[in-house]
C-alpha atoms as a PDB file:
ATOM      1  CA  MET A   1     -47.103 -94.914 -53.035  1.00  0.00           C
ATOM      2  CA  ARG A   2     -43.536 -95.813 -52.060  1.00  0.00           C
ATOM      3  CA  VAL A   3     -40.408 -94.255 -53.480  1.00  0.00           C
ATOM      4  CA  GLU A   4     -37.083 -95.916 -52.819  1.00  0.00           C
ATOM      5  CA  ILE A   5     -33.928 -94.106 -53.855  1.00  0.00           C
ATOM      6  CA  MET A   6     -30.511 -95.708 -53.647  1.00  0.00           C
ATOM      7  CA  ILE A   7     -27.492 -93.427 -53.974  1.00  0.00           C
ATOM      8  CA  ASP A   8     -24.104 -94.956 -54.824  1.00  0.00           C
ATOM      9  CA  LYS A   9     -22.027 -94.720 -51.618  1.00  0.00           C
ATOM     10  CA  GLU A  10     -19.000 -93.775 -53.808  1.00  0.00           C
ATOM     11  CA  GLN A  11     -20.697 -90.363 -54.496  1.00  0.00           C
ATOM     12  CA  LYS A  12     -19.844 -89.263 -50.956  1.00  0.00           C
ATOM     13  CA  ILE A  13     -23.212 -87.459 -50.350  1.00  0.00           C
ATOM     14  CA  SER A  14     -23.653 -86.463 -46.716  1.00  0.00           C
ATOM     15  CA  GLN A  15     -26.577 -87.569 -44.617  1.00  0.00           C
ATOM     16  CA  THR A  16     -27.637 -83.931 -44.258  1.00  0.00           C
ATOM     17  CA  THR A  17     -27.952 -83.662 -48.007  1.00  0.00           C
ATOM     18  CA  LEU A  18     -29.956 -86.935 -48.166  1.00  0.00           C
ATOM     19  CA  ASP A  19     -32.250 -85.638 -45.412  1.00  0.00           C
ATOM     20  CA  ALA A  20     -32.758 -82.344 -47.310  1.00  0.00           C
ATOM     21  CA  LEU A  21     -33.543 -84.291 -50.518  1.00  0.00           C
ATOM     22  CA  GLU A  22     -36.149 -86.379 -48.698  1.00  0.00           C
ATOM     23  CA  ALA A  23     -37.767 -83.280 -47.198  1.00  0.00           C
ATOM     24  CA  GLU A  24     -37.947 -81.587 -50.602  1.00  0.00           C
ATOM     25  CA  LEU A  25     -39.340 -84.655 -52.318  1.00  0.00           C
ATOM     26  CA  LEU A  26     -42.046 -84.964 -49.651  1.00  0.00           C
ATOM     27  CA  LYS A  27     -42.894 -81.273 -50.036  1.00  0.00           C
ATOM     28  CA  ASN A  28     -43.379 -81.731 -53.785  1.00  0.00           C
ATOM     29  CA  LEU A  29     -45.031 -85.206 -53.796  1.00  0.00           C
ATOM     30  CA  LEU A  30     -47.425 -85.100 -50.818  1.00  0.00           C
ATOM     31  CA  PRO A  31     -49.878 -82.527 -52.348  1.00  0.00           C
ATOM     32  CA  GLN A  32     -50.552 -84.932 -55.275  1.00  0.00           C
ATOM     33  CA  TYR A  33     -49.855 -88.232 -53.521  1.00  0.00           C
ATOM     34  CA  PRO A  34     -50.747 -87.884 -49.833  1.00  0.00           C
ATOM     35  CA  SER A  35     -49.885 -91.499 -48.949  1.00  0.00           C
ATOM     36  CA  THR A  36     -46.261 -91.172 -50.170  1.00  0.00           C
ATOM     37  CA  ALA A  37     -43.447 -92.891 -48.240  1.00  0.00           C
ATOM     38  CA  ILE A  38     -39.879 -92.138 -49.182  1.00  0.00           C
ATOM     39  CA  ARG A  39     -36.778 -94.082 -48.374  1.00  0.00           C
ATOM     40  CA  ILE A  40     -33.322 -92.835 -49.366  1.00  0.00           C
ATOM     41  CA  ARG A  41     -30.284 -94.910 -48.644  1.00  0.00           C
ATOM     42  CA  LYS A  42     -26.725 -95.417 -49.757  1.00  0.00           C
ATOM     43  CA  GLY A  43     -25.820 -98.595 -51.578  1.00  0.00           C
ATOM     44  CA  GLY A  44     -23.738-100.154 -54.282  1.00  0.00           C
ATOM     45  CA  ALA A  45     -25.469 -98.346 -57.204  1.00  0.00           C
ATOM     46  CA  THR A  46     -27.778 -95.423 -57.909  1.00  0.00           C
ATOM     47  CA  GLY A  47     -31.408 -96.213 -58.758  1.00  0.00           C
ATOM     48  CA  VAL A  48     -35.079 -95.337 -58.168  1.00  0.00           C
ATOM     49  CA  GLU A  49     -37.849 -97.758 -57.473  1.00  0.00           C
ATOM     50  CA  LEU A  50     -41.492 -96.737 -57.439  1.00  0.00           C
ATOM     51  CA  SER A  51     -44.336 -98.905 -56.147  1.00  0.00           C
ATOM     52  CA  GLY A  52     -48.029 -98.464 -55.514  1.00  0.00           C
ATOM     53  CA  LEU A  53     -48.772 -96.510 -58.690  1.00  0.00           C
ATOM     54  CA  ARG A  54     -51.703 -97.710 -60.743  1.00  0.00           C
ATOM     55  CA  GLN A  55     -50.986 -96.075 -64.083  1.00  0.00           C
ATOM     56  CA  ASP A  56     -48.023 -95.380 -66.306  1.00  0.00           C
ATOM     57  CA  GLU A  57     -49.013 -91.708 -66.397  1.00  0.00           C
ATOM     58  CA  GLU A  58     -48.725 -91.530 -62.612  1.00  0.00           C
ATOM     59  CA  ARG A  59     -45.239 -93.102 -62.823  1.00  0.00           C
ATOM     60  CA  LYS A  60     -44.198 -90.567 -65.444  1.00  0.00           C
ATOM     61  CA  ASN A  61     -45.468 -87.700 -63.339  1.00  0.00           C
ATOM     62  CA  VAL A  62     -43.622 -88.897 -60.217  1.00  0.00           C
ATOM     63  CA  MET A  63     -40.392 -89.434 -62.199  1.00  0.00           C
ATOM     64  CA  SER A  64     -40.761 -85.911 -63.568  1.00  0.00           C
ATOM     65  CA  ILE A  65     -41.137 -84.500 -60.071  1.00  0.00           C
ATOM     66  CA  LEU A  66     -38.104 -86.442 -58.861  1.00  0.00           C
ATOM     67  CA  GLN A  67     -36.041 -85.152 -61.745  1.00  0.00           C
ATOM     68  CA  GLN A  68     -37.197 -81.528 -61.200  1.00  0.00           C
ATOM     69  CA  VAL A  69     -36.242 -81.653 -57.547  1.00  0.00           C
ATOM     70  CA  TRP A  70     -32.827 -83.243 -58.307  1.00  0.00           C
ATOM     71  CA  GLU A  71     -32.013 -80.686 -60.966  1.00  0.00           C
ATOM     72  CA  ASP A  72     -33.175 -77.686 -58.919  1.00  0.00           C
ATOM     73  CA  ASP A  73     -30.506 -77.727 -56.295  1.00  0.00           C
ATOM     74  CA  SER A  74     -31.941 -74.804 -54.241  1.00  0.00           C
ATOM     75  CA  TRP A  75     -32.983 -77.342 -51.526  1.00  0.00           C
ATOM     76  CA  GLN A  76     -29.239 -77.996 -50.856  1.00  0.00           C
ATOM     77  CA  HIS A  77     -28.630 -74.498 -49.471  1.00  0.00           C
END
């Protein structure tokens, strides 16, 4: 599975924070999806793109994990 996250460059999020987000996402996704690749980059808009998932249920599960990690900001400290 591949997860691509684009963060709007206007949000002024540091590279350190993006690296911490990537590490936390890998920690949460790899146990269920061992072949996960994550790419986080800055761009003109914010968005998430998932590829390599076979079922809608998997997509919902991954999106739920992404949301939980984003909302639980303990990884930022």
